[in-house]
Amino acid sequence: MDMTFIVLGILIAYLIGNISPSYIIGKKYGKIDIREHGSGNAGATNALRILGKKFALIVFLADMGKGILGGLVGYYLGGQDLASITVIAVVFGHVFPVFLGFKGGKGVATSIGAMIVIAPIFTIIATLLGVALIFKFRYVSLGSITGIAILPLLIYSGRGELRVIITALILTCFVIYTHRENISRLLKGKERKIGEKA
């Protein structure tokens, strides 16, 4: 791969990740900075709590869409090899957006979209498992963490390429890190369920 395309792909994907639907919708329709309410997170789960189901769905789909776009940028500029790098860059941009003071979301929806580009079948399976856990136990964090954690195992068991497995592992570690407080609350039995009041 040409180094110019690598740097360009990473930069474009990172900037795409900076686009924050929950922040934009919060400002436009709620007249608030969503990061100052609820969990303080600029993602779909906090949008659900603060802005309601309709806007939360829009945020989730938009975050997933920018993950797909970030992966496609890499794919267009350098094929699957570069796409495996730009999917990390777009998630990093979502979690640490320079234009929002490096305070963004937790990266789940964006990771789903990004990984769909390089491992579509495995990503869909992992996502469905995560959604099933959310419906059963009503913990968004549990479903999100489990879904992303099982993804590299699915890719490995399906004899996926090593670079894709490594990318999935990096995103798994990343999402687990952003959910470290949720994990602590889950272990203590203090994590809020969907619809549960603070």
C-alpha atoms as a PDB file:
ATOM      1  CA  MET A   1       0.000   0.000   0.000  1.00  0.00           C
ATOM      2  CA  ASP A   2       1.117   3.537  -0.762  1.00  0.00           C
ATOM      3  CA  MET A   3       1.887   5.427   2.470  1.00  0.00           C
ATOM      4  CA  THR A   4       0.001   8.459   1.169  1.00  0.00           C
ATOM      5  CA  PHE A   5      -3.182   6.404   0.817  1.00  0.00           C
ATOM      6  CA  ILE A   6      -2.686   4.877   4.258  1.00  0.00           C
ATOM      7  CA  VAL A   7      -2.371   8.273   5.960  1.00  0.00           C
ATOM      8  CA  LEU A   8      -5.221   9.720   3.896  1.00  0.00           C
ATOM      9  CA  GLY A   9      -7.481   6.769   4.655  1.00  0.00           C
ATOM     10  CA  ILE A  10      -6.803   6.935   8.391  1.00  0.00           C
ATOM     11  CA  LEU A  11      -7.371  10.700   8.479  1.00  0.00           C
ATOM     12  CA  ILE A  12     -10.619  10.583   6.500  1.00  0.00           C
ATOM     13  CA  ALA A  13     -11.963   7.683   8.570  1.00  0.00           C
ATOM     14  CA  TYR A  14     -11.071   9.452  11.818  1.00  0.00           C
ATOM     15  CA  LEU A  15     -12.844  12.622  10.692  1.00  0.00           C
ATOM     16  CA  ILE A  16     -15.909  10.622   9.667  1.00  0.00           C
ATOM     17  CA  GLY A  17     -15.911   9.157  13.162  1.00  0.00           C
ATOM     18  CA  ASN A  18     -15.959  12.716  14.559  1.00  0.00           C
ATOM     19  CA  ILE A  19     -19.465  13.266  13.203  1.00  0.00           C
ATOM     20  CA  SER A  20     -21.743  12.845  16.228  1.00  0.00           C
ATOM     21  CA  PRO A  21     -25.443  12.280  15.403  1.00  0.00           C
ATOM     22  CA  SER A  22     -26.470  12.263  19.076  1.00  0.00           C
ATOM     23  CA  TYR A  23     -24.750  15.589  19.691  1.00  0.00           C
ATOM     24  CA  ILE A  24     -26.268  17.147  16.562  1.00  0.00           C
ATOM     25  CA  ILE A  25     -29.785  15.843  17.290  1.00  0.00           C
ATOM     26  CA  GLY A  26     -29.510  16.844  20.948  1.00  0.00           C
ATOM     27  CA  LYS A  27     -28.589  20.387  19.975  1.00  0.00           C
ATOM     28  CA  LYS A  28     -31.155  20.719  17.199  1.00  0.00           C
ATOM     29  CA  TYR A  29     -34.215  19.069  18.728  1.00  0.00           C
ATOM     30  CA  GLY A  30     -33.522  18.929  22.442  1.00  0.00           C
ATOM     31  CA  LYS A  31     -31.555  22.178  22.742  1.00  0.00           C
ATOM     32  CA  ILE A  32     -29.057  20.335  24.926  1.00  0.00           C
ATOM     33  CA  ASP A  33     -25.534  18.963  24.867  1.00  0.00           C
ATOM     34  CA  ILE A  34     -26.337  15.287  25.374  1.00  0.00           C
ATOM     35  CA  ARG A  35     -22.933  14.772  26.960  1.00  0.00           C
ATOM     36  CA  GLU A  36     -24.129  16.861  29.915  1.00  0.00           C
ATOM     37  CA  HIS A  37     -27.109  14.595  30.604  1.00  0.00           C
ATOM     38  CA  GLY A  38     -27.681  10.978  31.588  1.00  0.00           C
ATOM     39  CA  SER A  39     -24.499   8.932  31.344  1.00  0.00           C
ATOM     40  CA  GLY A  40     -22.687  11.794  29.609  1.00  0.00           C
ATOM     41  CA  ASN A  41     -22.148   9.567  26.599  1.00  0.00           C
ATOM     42  CA  ALA A  42     -22.717  10.737  23.020  1.00  0.00           C
ATOM     43  CA  GLY A  43     -24.178   7.475  21.779  1.00  0.00           C
ATOM     44  CA  ALA A  44     -27.419   5.651  21.072  1.00  0.00           C
ATOM     45  CA  THR A  45     -28.015   4.311  24.589  1.00  0.00           C
ATOM     46  CA  ASN A  46     -27.846   7.733  26.199  1.00  0.00           C
ATOM     47  CA  ALA A  47     -29.920   9.126  23.341  1.00  0.00           C
ATOM     48  CA  LEU A  48     -32.564   6.522  24.222  1.00  0.00           C
ATOM     49  CA  ARG A  49     -32.656   7.694  27.818  1.00  0.00           C
ATOM     50  CA  ILE A  50     -32.591  11.410  27.067  1.00  0.00           C
ATOM     51  CA  LEU A  51     -34.174  11.871  23.626  1.00  0.00           C
ATOM     52  CA  GLY A  52     -36.424   8.811  23.245  1.00  0.00           C
ATOM     53  CA  LYS A  53     -36.696   5.740  21.025  1.00  0.00           C
ATOM     54  CA  LYS A  54     -37.084   7.496  17.658  1.00  0.00           C
ATOM     55  CA  PHE A  55     -33.956   9.593  17.987  1.00  0.00           C
ATOM     56  CA  ALA A  56     -32.027   6.712  19.572  1.00  0.00           C
ATOM     57  CA  LEU A  57     -32.736   4.560  16.511  1.00  0.00           C
ATOM     58  CA  ILE A  58     -31.629   7.375  14.209  1.00  0.00           C
ATOM     59  CA  VAL A  59     -28.420   7.785  16.222  1.00  0.00           C
ATOM     60  CA  PHE A  60     -27.705   4.052  16.174  1.00  0.00           C
ATOM     61  CA  LEU A  61     -28.211   3.748  12.418  1.00  0.00           C
ATOM     62  CA  ALA A  62     -26.196   6.897  11.727  1.00  0.00           C
ATOM     63  CA  ASP A  63     -23.317   5.733  13.942  1.00  0.00           C
ATOM     64  CA  MET A  64     -23.372   2.349  12.238  1.00  0.00           C
ATOM     65  CA  GLY A  65     -23.481   4.072   8.862  1.00  0.00           C
ATOM     66  CA  LYS A  66     -20.397   6.119   9.539  1.00  0.00           C
ATOM     67  CA  GLY A  67     -18.603   2.928  10.583  1.00  0.00           C
ATOM     68  CA  ILE A  68     -19.500   1.411   7.214  1.00  0.00           C
ATOM     69  CA  LEU A  69     -18.339   4.565   5.453  1.00  0.00           C
ATOM     70  CA  GLY A  70     -15.054   4.559   7.338  1.00  0.00           C
ATOM     71  CA  GLY A  71     -14.416   0.975   6.288  1.00  0.00           C
ATOM     72  CA  LEU A  72     -15.358   1.675   2.684  1.00  0.00           C
ATOM     73  CA  VAL A  73     -12.912   4.587   2.532  1.00  0.00           C
ATOM     74  CA  GLY A  74     -10.082   2.201   3.379  1.00  0.00           C
ATOM     75  CA  TYR A  75     -11.395  -0.426   1.001  1.00  0.00           C
ATOM     76  CA  TYR A  76     -11.557   2.087  -1.845  1.00  0.00           C
ATOM     77  CA  LEU A  77      -8.075   3.514  -1.196  1.00  0.00           C
ATOM     78  CA  GLY A  78      -6.213   0.302  -0.396  1.00  0.00           C
ATOM     79  CA  GLY A  79      -8.447  -2.760  -0.434  1.00  0.00           C
ATOM     80  CA  GLN A  80      -9.107  -5.065   2.504  1.00  0.00           C
ATOM     81  CA  ASP A  81      -5.713  -4.404   4.093  1.00  0.00           C
ATOM     82  CA  LEU A  82      -6.300  -0.675   4.483  1.00  0.00           C
ATOM     83  CA  ALA A  83      -9.961  -1.214   5.376  1.00  0.00           C
ATOM     84  CA  SER A  84      -8.784  -3.261   8.363  1.00  0.00           C
ATOM     85  CA  ILE A  85      -6.950  -0.145   9.549  1.00  0.00           C
ATOM     86  CA  THR A  86      -9.552   2.512   8.761  1.00  0.00           C
ATOM     87  CA  VAL A  87     -12.265   0.633  10.652  1.00  0.00           C
ATOM     88  CA  ILE A  88     -10.179   1.192  13.780  1.00  0.00           C
ATOM     89  CA  ALA A  89      -9.634   4.853  12.868  1.00  0.00           C
ATOM     90  CA  VAL A  90     -13.349   5.564  12.429  1.00  0.00           C
ATOM     91  CA  VAL A  91     -14.204   4.000  15.799  1.00  0.00           C
ATOM     92  CA  PHE A  92     -11.380   5.942  17.439  1.00  0.00           C
ATOM     93  CA  GLY A  93     -12.791   9.113  15.891  1.00  0.00           C
ATOM     94  CA  HIS A  94     -16.228   8.303  17.294  1.00  0.00           C
ATOM     95  CA  VAL A  95     -14.948   7.737  20.827  1.00  0.00           C
ATOM     96  CA  PHE A  96     -12.362  10.535  20.827  1.00  0.00           C
ATOM     97  CA  PRO A  97     -13.660  13.247  18.448  1.00  0.00           C
ATOM     98  CA  VAL A  98     -11.274  16.173  18.244  1.00  0.00           C
ATOM     99  CA  PHE A  99     -14.120  18.559  17.386  1.00  0.00           C
ATOM    100  CA  LEU A 100     -15.992  17.659  20.582  1.00  0.00           C
ATOM    101  CA  GLY A 101     -13.085  17.838  22.979  1.00  0.00           C
ATOM    102  CA  PHE A 102     -12.340  14.116  22.633  1.00  0.00           C
ATOM    103  CA  LYS A 103     -15.585  13.239  24.415  1.00  0.00           C
ATOM    104  CA  GLY A 104     -17.738  11.008  22.199  1.00  0.00           C
ATOM    105  CA  GLY A 105     -19.566   7.690  22.322  1.00  0.00           C
ATOM    106  CA  LYS A 106     -18.528   4.176  23.313  1.00  0.00           C
ATOM    107  CA  GLY A 107     -18.055   2.787  19.821  1.00  0.00           C
ATOM    108  CA  VAL A 108     -20.475  -0.124  19.640  1.00  0.00           C
ATOM    109  CA  ALA A 109     -22.692   0.896  16.715  1.00  0.00           C
ATOM    110  CA  THR A 110     -19.735   2.324  14.811  1.00  0.00           C
ATOM    111  CA  SER A 111     -17.771  -0.905  15.391  1.00  0.00           C
ATOM    112  CA  ILE A 112     -20.692  -2.941  14.039  1.00  0.00           C
ATOM    113  CA  GLY A 113     -20.846  -0.845  10.886  1.00  0.00           C
ATOM    114  CA  ALA A 114     -17.096  -0.872  10.417  1.00  0.00           C
ATOM    115  CA  MET A 115     -16.755  -4.641  10.864  1.00  0.00           C
ATOM    116  CA  ILE A 116     -19.624  -5.303   8.455  1.00  0.00           C
ATOM    117  CA  VAL A 117     -17.296  -4.054   5.716  1.00  0.00           C
ATOM    118  CA  ILE A 118     -14.556  -6.613   6.405  1.00  0.00           C
ATOM    119  CA  ALA A 119     -16.438  -9.485   8.081  1.00  0.00           C
ATOM    120  CA  PRO A 120     -20.154  -9.092   7.292  1.00  0.00           C
ATOM    121  CA  ILE A 121     -21.556 -12.539   8.161  1.00  0.00           C
ATOM    122  CA  PHE A 122     -19.670 -12.890  11.448  1.00  0.00           C
ATOM    123  CA  THR A 123     -20.552  -9.330  12.452  1.00  0.00           C
ATOM    124  CA  ILE A 124     -24.252  -9.880  11.807  1.00  0.00           C
ATOM    125  CA  ILE A 125     -24.204 -13.089  13.874  1.00  0.00           C
ATOM    126  CA  ALA A 126     -22.409 -11.379  16.765  1.00  0.00           C
ATOM    127  CA  THR A 127     -24.799  -8.416  16.589  1.00  0.00           C
ATOM    128  CA  LEU A 128     -27.869 -10.658  16.675  1.00  0.00           C
ATOM    129  CA  LEU A 129     -26.458 -12.439  19.714  1.00  0.00           C
ATOM    130  CA  GLY A 130     -25.889  -9.109  21.438  1.00  0.00           C
ATOM    131  CA  VAL A 131     -29.416  -7.946  20.619  1.00  0.00           C
ATOM    132  CA  ALA A 132     -30.852 -11.215  21.935  1.00  0.00           C
ATOM    133  CA  LEU A 133     -29.035 -10.709  25.241  1.00  0.00           C
ATOM    134  CA  ILE A 134     -30.302  -7.139  25.470  1.00  0.00           C
ATOM    135  CA  PHE A 135     -33.902  -8.301  24.987  1.00  0.00           C
ATOM    136  CA  LYS A 136     -33.503 -11.140  27.489  1.00  0.00           C
ATOM    137  CA  PHE A 137     -31.687  -9.339  30.305  1.00  0.00           C
ATOM    138  CA  ARG A 138     -32.469  -5.679  29.394  1.00  0.00           C
ATOM    139  CA  TYR A 139     -28.862  -4.608  29.883  1.00  0.00           C
ATOM    140  CA  VAL A 140     -27.605  -2.743  26.811  1.00  0.00           C
ATOM    141  CA  SER A 141     -24.039  -2.855  28.070  1.00  0.00           C
ATOM    142  CA  LEU A 142     -24.101  -6.650  28.590  1.00  0.00           C
ATOM    143  CA  GLY A 143     -25.365  -7.289  25.071  1.00  0.00           C
ATOM    144  CA  SER A 144     -22.925  -4.791  23.568  1.00  0.00           C
ATOM    145  CA  ILE A 145     -19.872  -6.158  25.359  1.00  0.00           C
ATOM    146  CA  THR A 146     -20.773  -9.805  24.731  1.00  0.00           C
ATOM    147  CA  GLY A 147     -21.551  -9.212  21.073  1.00  0.00           C
ATOM    148  CA  ILE A 148     -18.259  -7.465  20.349  1.00  0.00           C
ATOM    149  CA  ALA A 149     -16.271  -9.907  22.504  1.00  0.00           C
ATOM    150  CA  ILE A 150     -17.507 -12.967  20.651  1.00  0.00           C
ATOM    151  CA  LEU A 151     -16.790 -11.470  17.215  1.00  0.00           C
ATOM    152  CA  PRO A 152     -13.056 -12.328  17.033  1.00  0.00           C
ATOM    153  CA  LEU A 153     -13.859 -15.848  18.236  1.00  0.00           C
ATOM    154  CA  LEU A 154     -16.428 -16.256  15.474  1.00  0.00           C
ATOM    155  CA  ILE A 155     -13.980 -15.003  12.855  1.00  0.00           C
ATOM    156  CA  TYR A 156     -11.267 -17.322  14.169  1.00  0.00           C
ATOM    157  CA  SER A 157     -13.568 -20.348  14.265  1.00  0.00           C
ATOM    158  CA  GLY A 158     -14.667 -19.528  10.735  1.00  0.00           C
ATOM    159  CA  ARG A 159     -11.031 -19.460   9.630  1.00  0.00           C
ATOM    160  CA  GLY A 160     -11.086 -15.779   8.873  1.00  0.00           C
ATOM    161  CA  GLU A 161      -7.951 -13.936   7.861  1.00  0.00           C
ATOM    162  CA  LEU A 162      -5.470 -13.045  10.612  1.00  0.00           C
ATOM    163  CA  ARG A 163      -5.632  -9.284   9.943  1.00  0.00           C
ATOM    164  CA  VAL A 164      -9.430  -9.363  10.370  1.00  0.00           C
ATOM    165  CA  ILE A 165      -9.115 -11.299  13.630  1.00  0.00           C
ATOM    166  CA  ILE A 166      -6.564  -8.782  14.917  1.00  0.00           C
ATOM    167  CA  THR A 167      -8.793  -5.863  13.926  1.00  0.00           C
ATOM    168  CA  ALA A 168     -11.747  -7.450  15.729  1.00  0.00           C
ATOM    169  CA  LEU A 169      -9.591  -8.041  18.819  1.00  0.00           C
ATOM    170  CA  ILE A 170      -8.459  -4.418  18.860  1.00  0.00           C
ATOM    171  CA  LEU A 171     -12.029  -3.161  18.623  1.00  0.00           C
ATOM    172  CA  THR A 172     -13.097  -5.650  21.304  1.00  0.00           C
ATOM    173  CA  CYS A 173     -10.439  -4.344  23.703  1.00  0.00           C
ATOM    174  CA  PHE A 174     -11.409  -0.803  22.795  1.00  0.00           C
ATOM    175  CA  VAL A 175     -15.132  -1.294  23.472  1.00  0.00           C
ATOM    176  CA  ILE A 176     -14.460  -3.184  26.701  1.00  0.00           C
ATOM    177  CA  TYR A 177     -12.300  -0.245  27.814  1.00  0.00           C
ATOM    178  CA  THR A 178     -15.031   2.294  27.047  1.00  0.00           C
ATOM    179  CA  HIS A 179     -17.482   0.127  29.007  1.00  0.00           C
ATOM    180  CA  ARG A 180     -15.225  -0.355  32.025  1.00  0.00           C
ATOM    181  CA  GLU A 181     -17.611   1.554  34.318  1.00  0.00           C
ATOM    182  CA  ASN A 182     -20.569  -0.441  33.000  1.00  0.00           C
ATOM    183  CA  ILE A 183     -18.697  -3.674  33.686  1.00  0.00           C
ATOM    184  CA  SER A 184     -18.043  -2.532  37.246  1.00  0.00           C
ATOM    185  CA  ARG A 185     -21.727  -1.736  37.773  1.00  0.00           C
ATOM    186  CA  LEU A 186     -22.775  -5.059  36.244  1.00  0.00           C
ATOM    187  CA  LEU A 187     -20.528  -6.926  38.663  1.00  0.00           C
ATOM    188  CA  LYS A 188     -21.977  -4.942  41.564  1.00  0.00           C
ATOM    189  CA  GLY A 189     -25.564  -5.375  40.355  1.00  0.00           C
ATOM    190  CA  LYS A 190     -25.976  -1.624  39.964  1.00  0.00           C
ATOM    191  CA  GLU A 191     -26.212  -1.331  36.175  1.00  0.00           C
ATOM    192  CA  ARG A 192     -29.454   0.188  34.945  1.00  0.00           C
ATOM    193  CA  LYS A 193     -31.748  -1.850  32.726  1.00  0.00           C
ATOM    194  CA  ILE A 194     -33.624  -0.464  29.731  1.00  0.00           C
ATOM    195  CA  GLY A 195     -36.493   1.680  31.002  1.00  0.00           C
ATOM    196  CA  GLU A 196     -35.210   1.696  34.564  1.00  0.00           C
ATOM    197  CA  LYS A 197     -35.069   5.082  36.273  1.00  0.00           C
ATOM    198  CA  ALA A 198     -31.840   6.376  37.746  1.00  0.00           C
END
